[in-house]
Amino acid sequence: MSTPPPILVIGIGNPSRGDDALGPLLIESLQDLDPPGVELLTDFQLQVEFALDLRGRREVIFVDASLDAPAPFAFTATVAEEDASYSSHALSPGAVLHAYRKLYGQPPPAWTLAIRGHAFELGEGLSPDAAANLAAARAWLAGWLLDRSPDQSG
């Protein structure tokens, strides 16, 4: 029996900008869990090169802080779309999927986990509300990933 392709979880954000650190902090917290069949990445922002990282993935989850998401987080399907970010330095998850589609064909199924943040000032730490939202998002995502583990019989 062959091993299924891995799930990729990408945490996006700047650890020096308060709650913008939510994506990388979630990735950091998952490293100790070491979920089977999951690869973890972080970066300050998405760029077109991330389309290369999507190759050979079963599923992809983009994790980012959001001022618009309901607390504690929102988990939504993400589709390939050419949007206003497509020609900028930092891309949206949909634009990365669109770049993948142009290069390789149909992208893997993808979702965005938007964790509600409140304070994004340079030099600030994580706000208490964002820390609580991070804990809720981590608990939920850890369960979601473990349910998809190649070790789970089904």
N, C-alpha and C. Protein backbone atom coordinates (compact mmCIF):
# COMPACT_ATOMS: atom_id res chain seq x y z
N MET A 1 0.85 -1.19 0.00
CA MET A 1 0.00 0.00 0.00
C MET A 1 0.89 1.24 0.00
N SER A 2 0.66 2.14 -0.94
CA SER A 2 1.51 3.33 -1.03
C SER A 2 1.04 4.41 -0.06
N THR A 3 1.98 5.24 0.33
CA THR A 3 1.68 6.35 1.24
C THR A 3 1.02 7.48 0.45
N PRO A 4 -0.08 8.03 0.94
CA PRO A 4 -0.71 9.14 0.22
C PRO A 4 0.18 10.37 0.25
N PRO A 5 0.01 11.27 -0.72
CA PRO A 5 0.81 12.49 -0.72
C PRO A 5 0.55 13.31 0.55
N PRO A 6 1.50 14.13 0.94
CA PRO A 6 1.33 14.89 2.18
C PRO A 6 0.36 16.07 2.02
N ILE A 7 -0.14 16.49 3.15
CA ILE A 7 -0.90 17.74 3.26
C ILE A 7 0.12 18.83 3.57
N LEU A 8 -0.01 19.96 2.92
CA LEU A 8 0.87 21.10 3.18
C LEU A 8 0.10 22.16 3.95
N VAL A 9 0.66 22.63 5.06
CA VAL A 9 0.08 23.73 5.83
C VAL A 9 1.09 24.87 5.80
N ILE A 10 0.65 26.02 5.26
CA ILE A 10 1.51 27.19 5.11
C ILE A 10 1.03 28.29 6.04
N GLY A 11 1.87 28.70 6.99
CA GLY A 11 1.56 29.80 7.89
C GLY A 11 2.15 31.09 7.36
N ILE A 12 1.31 32.09 7.18
CA ILE A 12 1.71 33.36 6.59
C ILE A 12 1.63 34.45 7.65
N GLY A 13 2.66 35.29 7.73
CA GLY A 13 2.58 36.42 8.65
C GLY A 13 3.94 36.90 9.12
N ASN A 14 3.93 38.07 9.69
CA ASN A 14 5.15 38.72 10.18
C ASN A 14 5.17 38.68 11.70
N PRO A 15 6.08 37.91 12.29
CA PRO A 15 6.14 37.79 13.76
C PRO A 15 6.46 39.11 14.47
N SER A 16 6.89 40.12 13.74
CA SER A 16 7.21 41.43 14.35
C SER A 16 6.03 42.38 14.35
N ARG A 17 4.88 41.94 13.86
CA ARG A 17 3.72 42.82 13.74
C ARG A 17 2.53 42.31 14.54
N GLY A 18 2.72 42.07 15.81
CA GLY A 18 1.61 41.71 16.69
C GLY A 18 0.87 40.47 16.22
N ASP A 19 -0.43 40.61 16.05
CA ASP A 19 -1.28 39.48 15.70
C ASP A 19 -1.03 38.94 14.29
N ASP A 20 -0.27 39.65 13.48
CA ASP A 20 0.10 39.13 12.16
C ASP A 20 0.92 37.85 12.30
N ALA A 21 1.44 37.58 13.48
CA ALA A 21 2.24 36.38 13.74
C ALA A 21 1.39 35.12 13.88
N LEU A 22 0.07 35.22 13.81
CA LEU A 22 -0.79 34.06 14.07
C LEU A 22 -0.48 32.87 13.16
N GLY A 23 -0.27 33.10 11.88
CA GLY A 23 0.04 32.00 10.96
C GLY A 23 1.31 31.25 11.34
N PRO A 24 2.45 31.97 11.45
CA PRO A 24 3.68 31.29 11.86
C PRO A 24 3.60 30.67 13.25
N LEU A 25 2.90 31.31 14.18
CA LEU A 25 2.77 30.74 15.52
C LEU A 25 1.98 29.43 15.51
N LEU A 26 0.97 29.36 14.66
CA LEU A 26 0.22 28.10 14.56
C LEU A 26 1.12 26.99 14.02
N ILE A 27 1.90 27.30 13.01
CA ILE A 27 2.83 26.31 12.44
C ILE A 27 3.82 25.86 13.51
N GLU A 28 4.36 26.81 14.25
CA GLU A 28 5.31 26.48 15.32
C GLU A 28 4.66 25.53 16.35
N SER A 29 3.41 25.80 16.69
CA SER A 29 2.74 24.96 17.70
C SER A 29 2.44 23.57 17.17
N LEU A 30 2.30 23.42 15.85
CA LEU A 30 2.03 22.10 15.27
C LEU A 30 3.29 21.26 15.13
N GLN A 31 4.46 21.89 15.15
CA GLN A 31 5.71 21.14 14.99
C GLN A 31 5.88 20.11 16.11
N ASP A 32 5.49 20.45 17.32
CA ASP A 32 5.59 19.50 18.43
C ASP A 32 4.63 18.33 18.24
N LEU A 33 3.50 18.57 17.62
CA LEU A 33 2.53 17.51 17.36
C LEU A 33 3.04 16.54 16.31
N ASP A 34 3.81 17.08 15.33
CA ASP A 34 4.38 16.28 14.24
C ASP A 34 3.31 15.39 13.61
N PRO A 35 2.24 16.00 13.08
CA PRO A 35 1.16 15.18 12.51
C PRO A 35 1.66 14.37 11.32
N PRO A 36 1.33 13.08 11.27
CA PRO A 36 1.79 12.24 10.16
C PRO A 36 1.18 12.68 8.84
N GLY A 37 2.00 12.64 7.80
CA GLY A 37 1.51 12.99 6.46
C GLY A 37 1.28 14.47 6.27
N VAL A 38 1.92 15.30 7.09
CA VAL A 38 1.74 16.76 7.01
C VAL A 38 3.10 17.43 6.94
N GLU A 39 3.23 18.38 6.04
CA GLU A 39 4.43 19.21 5.97
C GLU A 39 4.03 20.63 6.32
N LEU A 40 4.92 21.32 7.05
CA LEU A 40 4.64 22.66 7.57
C LEU A 40 5.64 23.66 6.99
N LEU A 41 5.15 24.81 6.54
CA LEU A 41 5.99 25.89 6.04
C LEU A 41 5.51 27.21 6.62
N THR A 42 6.42 28.18 6.71
CA THR A 42 6.03 29.55 7.07
C THR A 42 6.75 30.53 6.16
N ASP A 43 6.15 31.70 6.02
CA ASP A 43 6.78 32.81 5.32
C ASP A 43 6.03 34.08 5.68
N PHE A 44 6.66 35.21 5.40
CA PHE A 44 6.04 36.50 5.68
C PHE A 44 4.84 36.75 4.77
N GLN A 45 4.94 36.31 3.52
CA GLN A 45 3.86 36.53 2.57
C GLN A 45 3.94 35.48 1.47
N LEU A 46 2.84 35.32 0.77
CA LEU A 46 2.80 34.36 -0.33
C LEU A 46 3.35 35.01 -1.59
N GLN A 47 4.15 34.27 -2.32
CA GLN A 47 4.69 34.71 -3.59
C GLN A 47 4.45 33.63 -4.62
N VAL A 48 4.64 33.95 -5.89
CA VAL A 48 4.34 33.01 -6.96
C VAL A 48 5.14 31.71 -6.81
N GLU A 49 6.31 31.76 -6.21
CA GLU A 49 7.12 30.56 -6.03
C GLU A 49 6.43 29.49 -5.18
N PHE A 50 5.46 29.87 -4.38
CA PHE A 50 4.73 28.89 -3.58
C PHE A 50 3.95 27.91 -4.46
N ALA A 51 3.69 28.28 -5.71
CA ALA A 51 3.03 27.33 -6.62
C ALA A 51 3.86 26.06 -6.75
N LEU A 52 5.18 26.19 -6.69
CA LEU A 52 6.07 25.02 -6.75
C LEU A 52 5.88 24.12 -5.54
N ASP A 53 5.65 24.71 -4.38
CA ASP A 53 5.48 23.94 -3.14
C ASP A 53 4.18 23.14 -3.11
N LEU A 54 3.24 23.48 -3.97
CA LEU A 54 1.95 22.79 -3.99
C LEU A 54 1.99 21.48 -4.77
N ARG A 55 3.04 21.29 -5.55
CA ARG A 55 3.12 20.07 -6.37
C ARG A 55 3.18 18.83 -5.49
N GLY A 56 2.42 17.83 -5.86
CA GLY A 56 2.43 16.56 -5.15
C GLY A 56 1.76 16.59 -3.78
N ARG A 57 0.87 17.53 -3.55
CA ARG A 57 0.18 17.63 -2.25
C ARG A 57 -1.23 17.07 -2.38
N ARG A 58 -1.65 16.42 -1.33
CA ARG A 58 -3.01 15.90 -1.26
C ARG A 58 -4.00 17.04 -1.02
N GLU A 59 -3.63 17.93 -0.11
CA GLU A 59 -4.44 19.10 0.24
C GLU A 59 -3.49 20.19 0.71
N VAL A 60 -3.98 21.43 0.68
CA VAL A 60 -3.19 22.58 1.12
C VAL A 60 -4.05 23.45 2.03
N ILE A 61 -3.44 23.90 3.12
CA ILE A 61 -4.13 24.84 4.02
C ILE A 61 -3.25 26.06 4.18
N PHE A 62 -3.81 27.22 3.88
CA PHE A 62 -3.15 28.50 4.09
C PHE A 62 -3.65 29.04 5.43
N VAL A 63 -2.73 29.39 6.33
CA VAL A 63 -3.10 29.90 7.65
C VAL A 63 -2.62 31.34 7.73
N ASP A 64 -3.54 32.26 8.07
CA ASP A 64 -3.18 33.67 8.13
C ASP A 64 -4.06 34.38 9.16
N ALA A 65 -3.54 35.49 9.66
CA ALA A 65 -4.33 36.35 10.55
C ALA A 65 -5.31 37.14 9.71
N SER A 66 -6.42 37.53 10.32
CA SER A 66 -7.44 38.28 9.60
C SER A 66 -8.14 39.26 10.54
N LEU A 67 -8.38 40.46 10.03
CA LEU A 67 -9.20 41.42 10.76
C LEU A 67 -10.68 41.20 10.49
N ASP A 68 -11.00 40.45 9.43
CA ASP A 68 -12.38 40.29 9.00
C ASP A 68 -13.01 38.97 9.42
N ALA A 69 -12.20 37.98 9.78
CA ALA A 69 -12.75 36.67 10.13
C ALA A 69 -13.51 36.76 11.45
N PRO A 70 -14.56 35.96 11.60
CA PRO A 70 -15.22 35.91 12.91
C PRO A 70 -14.29 35.24 13.92
N ALA A 71 -14.41 35.62 15.17
CA ALA A 71 -13.60 34.99 16.22
C ALA A 71 -14.21 33.62 16.53
N PRO A 72 -13.43 32.60 16.77
CA PRO A 72 -11.98 32.64 16.84
C PRO A 72 -11.29 32.48 15.48
N PHE A 73 -11.98 31.85 14.48
CA PHE A 73 -11.37 31.64 13.16
C PHE A 73 -12.45 31.25 12.17
N ALA A 74 -12.07 31.29 10.90
CA ALA A 74 -12.93 30.80 9.82
C ALA A 74 -12.11 29.83 8.97
N PHE A 75 -12.72 28.75 8.53
CA PHE A 75 -12.07 27.76 7.69
C PHE A 75 -12.92 27.65 6.42
N THR A 76 -12.35 28.10 5.30
CA THR A 76 -13.13 28.16 4.07
C THR A 76 -12.36 27.54 2.90
N ALA A 77 -13.12 26.98 1.97
CA ALA A 77 -12.51 26.47 0.75
C ALA A 77 -11.90 27.64 -0.02
N THR A 78 -10.78 27.37 -0.66
CA THR A 78 -10.07 28.39 -1.43
C THR A 78 -9.96 27.90 -2.86
N VAL A 79 -10.33 28.75 -3.80
CA VAL A 79 -10.32 28.37 -5.21
C VAL A 79 -9.28 29.20 -5.96
N ALA A 80 -8.82 28.64 -7.07
CA ALA A 80 -7.88 29.34 -7.93
C ALA A 80 -8.59 30.52 -8.58
N GLU A 81 -8.02 31.71 -8.41
CA GLU A 81 -8.61 32.89 -9.03
C GLU A 81 -7.56 33.95 -9.24
N GLU A 82 -7.64 34.56 -10.41
CA GLU A 82 -6.76 35.68 -10.70
C GLU A 82 -7.40 36.92 -10.09
N ASP A 83 -6.77 37.45 -9.06
CA ASP A 83 -7.33 38.62 -8.38
C ASP A 83 -6.33 39.77 -8.45
N ALA A 84 -6.64 40.86 -7.77
CA ALA A 84 -5.79 42.05 -7.82
C ALA A 84 -4.40 41.78 -7.29
N SER A 85 -4.22 40.78 -6.44
CA SER A 85 -2.89 40.49 -5.90
C SER A 85 -2.00 39.78 -6.90
N TYR A 86 -2.59 39.28 -8.00
CA TYR A 86 -1.84 38.46 -8.94
C TYR A 86 -0.61 39.16 -9.50
N SER A 87 -0.66 40.47 -9.65
CA SER A 87 0.47 41.20 -10.23
C SER A 87 1.30 41.92 -9.17
N SER A 88 1.03 41.65 -7.91
CA SER A 88 1.77 42.33 -6.85
C SER A 88 2.85 41.42 -6.29
N HIS A 89 3.61 41.94 -5.35
CA HIS A 89 4.70 41.18 -4.74
C HIS A 89 4.16 40.09 -3.81
N ALA A 90 3.08 40.36 -3.11
CA ALA A 90 2.47 39.38 -2.20
C ALA A 90 1.15 38.93 -2.80
N LEU A 91 0.94 37.61 -2.83
CA LEU A 91 -0.24 37.06 -3.46
C LEU A 91 -1.25 36.55 -2.43
N SER A 92 -2.49 36.47 -2.86
CA SER A 92 -3.53 35.81 -2.05
C SER A 92 -3.41 34.31 -2.27
N PRO A 93 -3.99 33.50 -1.37
CA PRO A 93 -4.00 32.05 -1.61
C PRO A 93 -4.63 31.68 -2.95
N GLY A 94 -5.72 32.34 -3.32
CA GLY A 94 -6.36 32.06 -4.60
C GLY A 94 -5.46 32.35 -5.79
N ALA A 95 -4.65 33.40 -5.70
CA ALA A 95 -3.72 33.73 -6.78
C ALA A 95 -2.59 32.71 -6.88
N VAL A 96 -2.14 32.16 -5.73
CA VAL A 96 -1.13 31.10 -5.77
C VAL A 96 -1.71 29.86 -6.45
N LEU A 97 -2.96 29.53 -6.13
CA LEU A 97 -3.61 28.39 -6.77
C LEU A 97 -3.80 28.63 -8.27
N HIS A 98 -4.09 29.88 -8.63
CA HIS A 98 -4.24 30.24 -10.05
C HIS A 98 -2.90 30.06 -10.78
N ALA A 99 -1.81 30.50 -10.16
CA ALA A 99 -0.49 30.32 -10.76
C ALA A 99 -0.19 28.83 -10.94
N TYR A 100 -0.54 28.04 -9.94
CA TYR A 100 -0.35 26.59 -10.04
C TYR A 100 -1.13 26.04 -11.23
N ARG A 101 -2.37 26.44 -11.35
CA ARG A 101 -3.22 25.94 -12.44
C ARG A 101 -2.63 26.29 -13.80
N LYS A 102 -2.08 27.49 -13.93
CA LYS A 102 -1.48 27.90 -15.20
C LYS A 102 -0.22 27.08 -15.50
N LEU A 103 0.52 26.71 -14.46
CA LEU A 103 1.76 25.96 -14.65
C LEU A 103 1.55 24.46 -14.80
N TYR A 104 0.66 23.88 -13.98
CA TYR A 104 0.59 22.42 -13.86
C TYR A 104 -0.80 21.81 -14.07
N GLY A 105 -1.83 22.61 -14.11
CA GLY A 105 -3.17 22.06 -14.22
C GLY A 105 -3.92 22.23 -12.91
N GLN A 106 -4.87 21.36 -12.67
CA GLN A 106 -5.75 21.48 -11.51
C GLN A 106 -4.94 21.45 -10.20
N PRO A 107 -5.09 22.48 -9.34
CA PRO A 107 -4.38 22.48 -8.05
C PRO A 107 -5.04 21.51 -7.07
N PRO A 108 -4.29 21.15 -6.03
CA PRO A 108 -4.89 20.30 -5.00
C PRO A 108 -6.00 21.04 -4.27
N PRO A 109 -6.92 20.31 -3.62
CA PRO A 109 -7.93 20.98 -2.80
C PRO A 109 -7.25 21.87 -1.76
N ALA A 110 -7.81 23.05 -1.54
CA ALA A 110 -7.17 24.01 -0.64
C ALA A 110 -8.20 24.73 0.21
N TRP A 111 -7.74 25.14 1.38
CA TRP A 111 -8.55 25.88 2.33
C TRP A 111 -7.72 27.01 2.92
N THR A 112 -8.42 28.00 3.44
CA THR A 112 -7.78 29.06 4.20
C THR A 112 -8.32 29.02 5.62
N LEU A 113 -7.41 28.98 6.58
CA LEU A 113 -7.75 29.09 7.99
C LEU A 113 -7.39 30.52 8.40
N ALA A 114 -8.40 31.36 8.51
CA ALA A 114 -8.22 32.77 8.87
C ALA A 114 -8.48 32.93 10.36
N ILE A 115 -7.44 33.26 11.09
CA ILE A 115 -7.55 33.40 12.55
C ILE A 115 -7.75 34.88 12.87
N ARG A 116 -8.76 35.16 13.65
CA ARG A 116 -9.10 36.56 13.96
C ARG A 116 -7.99 37.20 14.79
N GLY A 117 -7.46 38.30 14.23
CA GLY A 117 -6.46 39.10 14.92
C GLY A 117 -7.03 40.47 15.22
N HIS A 118 -6.35 41.21 16.07
CA HIS A 118 -6.87 42.52 16.50
C HIS A 118 -5.84 43.64 16.39
N ALA A 119 -4.57 43.37 16.68
CA ALA A 119 -3.55 44.42 16.74
C ALA A 119 -2.37 43.99 15.87
N PHE A 120 -2.02 44.83 14.89
CA PHE A 120 -0.99 44.48 13.92
C PHE A 120 0.15 45.50 13.89
N GLU A 121 0.38 46.17 15.00
CA GLU A 121 1.41 47.21 15.05
C GLU A 121 2.81 46.60 15.10
N LEU A 122 3.74 47.26 14.44
CA LEU A 122 5.14 46.84 14.43
C LEU A 122 5.69 46.85 15.85
N GLY A 123 6.32 45.76 16.25
CA GLY A 123 6.94 45.67 17.57
C GLY A 123 6.02 45.21 18.67
N GLU A 124 4.74 45.05 18.39
CA GLU A 124 3.79 44.59 19.41
C GLU A 124 3.86 43.07 19.54
N GLY A 125 3.45 42.58 20.69
CA GLY A 125 3.32 41.14 20.90
C GLY A 125 1.92 40.70 20.52
N LEU A 126 1.66 39.44 20.72
CA LEU A 126 0.35 38.87 20.43
C LEU A 126 -0.66 39.39 21.43
N SER A 127 -1.81 39.85 20.95
CA SER A 127 -2.85 40.35 21.86
C SER A 127 -3.51 39.18 22.59
N PRO A 128 -4.06 39.41 23.78
CA PRO A 128 -4.72 38.31 24.52
C PRO A 128 -5.87 37.66 23.74
N ASP A 129 -6.66 38.47 23.04
CA ASP A 129 -7.76 37.90 22.26
C ASP A 129 -7.24 37.01 21.14
N ALA A 130 -6.18 37.47 20.46
CA ALA A 130 -5.60 36.67 19.38
C ALA A 130 -4.98 35.38 19.93
N ALA A 131 -4.38 35.45 21.10
CA ALA A 131 -3.80 34.24 21.72
C ALA A 131 -4.90 33.20 21.98
N ALA A 132 -6.06 33.65 22.44
CA ALA A 132 -7.17 32.72 22.66
C ALA A 132 -7.67 32.16 21.33
N ASN A 133 -7.73 32.99 20.30
CA ASN A 133 -8.16 32.53 18.98
C ASN A 133 -7.16 31.52 18.41
N LEU A 134 -5.88 31.78 18.64
CA LEU A 134 -4.83 30.86 18.19
C LEU A 134 -4.99 29.49 18.85
N ALA A 135 -5.25 29.47 20.14
CA ALA A 135 -5.43 28.20 20.85
C ALA A 135 -6.62 27.42 20.28
N ALA A 136 -7.70 28.11 20.00
CA ALA A 136 -8.88 27.45 19.44
C ALA A 136 -8.59 26.92 18.03
N ALA A 137 -7.91 27.71 17.22
CA ALA A 137 -7.59 27.30 15.86
C ALA A 137 -6.63 26.12 15.87
N ARG A 138 -5.67 26.14 16.76
CA ARG A 138 -4.70 25.03 16.85
C ARG A 138 -5.39 23.73 17.24
N ALA A 139 -6.25 23.80 18.23
CA ALA A 139 -6.96 22.59 18.67
C ALA A 139 -7.82 22.03 17.54
N TRP A 140 -8.52 22.91 16.84
CA TRP A 140 -9.39 22.46 15.76
C TRP A 140 -8.56 21.87 14.61
N LEU A 141 -7.50 22.58 14.19
CA LEU A 141 -6.71 22.13 13.06
C LEU A 141 -5.95 20.84 13.39
N ALA A 142 -5.46 20.71 14.60
CA ALA A 142 -4.77 19.47 14.99
C ALA A 142 -5.71 18.28 14.84
N GLY A 143 -6.96 18.42 15.27
CA GLY A 143 -7.94 17.35 15.11
C GLY A 143 -8.24 17.07 13.65
N TRP A 144 -8.38 18.12 12.86
CA TRP A 144 -8.66 17.98 11.42
C TRP A 144 -7.53 17.22 10.73
N LEU A 145 -6.29 17.59 11.06
CA LEU A 145 -5.14 16.93 10.44
C LEU A 145 -5.03 15.47 10.89
N LEU A 146 -5.24 15.22 12.16
CA LEU A 146 -5.16 13.84 12.66
C LEU A 146 -6.25 12.95 12.05
N ASP A 147 -7.43 13.53 11.80
CA ASP A 147 -8.50 12.77 11.14
C ASP A 147 -8.10 12.37 9.71
N ARG A 148 -7.22 13.15 9.09
CA ARG A 148 -6.79 12.88 7.71
C ARG A 148 -5.47 12.11 7.67
N SER A 149 -4.98 11.71 8.81
CA SER A 149 -3.71 11.00 8.89
C SER A 149 -3.75 9.73 8.07
N PRO A 150 -2.65 9.42 7.36
CA PRO A 150 -2.62 8.15 6.63
C PRO A 150 -2.67 6.94 7.56
N ASP A 151 -2.44 7.16 8.85
CA ASP A 151 -2.50 6.06 9.82
C ASP A 151 -3.93 5.73 10.25
N GLN A 152 -4.87 6.63 9.93
CA GLN A 152 -6.27 6.39 10.33
C GLN A 152 -6.88 5.35 9.40
N SER A 153 -7.50 4.37 9.95
CA SER A 153 -8.20 3.39 9.10
C SER A 153 -9.62 3.88 8.91
N GLY A 154 -10.16 3.61 7.77
CA GLY A 154 -11.44 4.17 7.59
C GLY A 154 -12.37 3.42 6.80
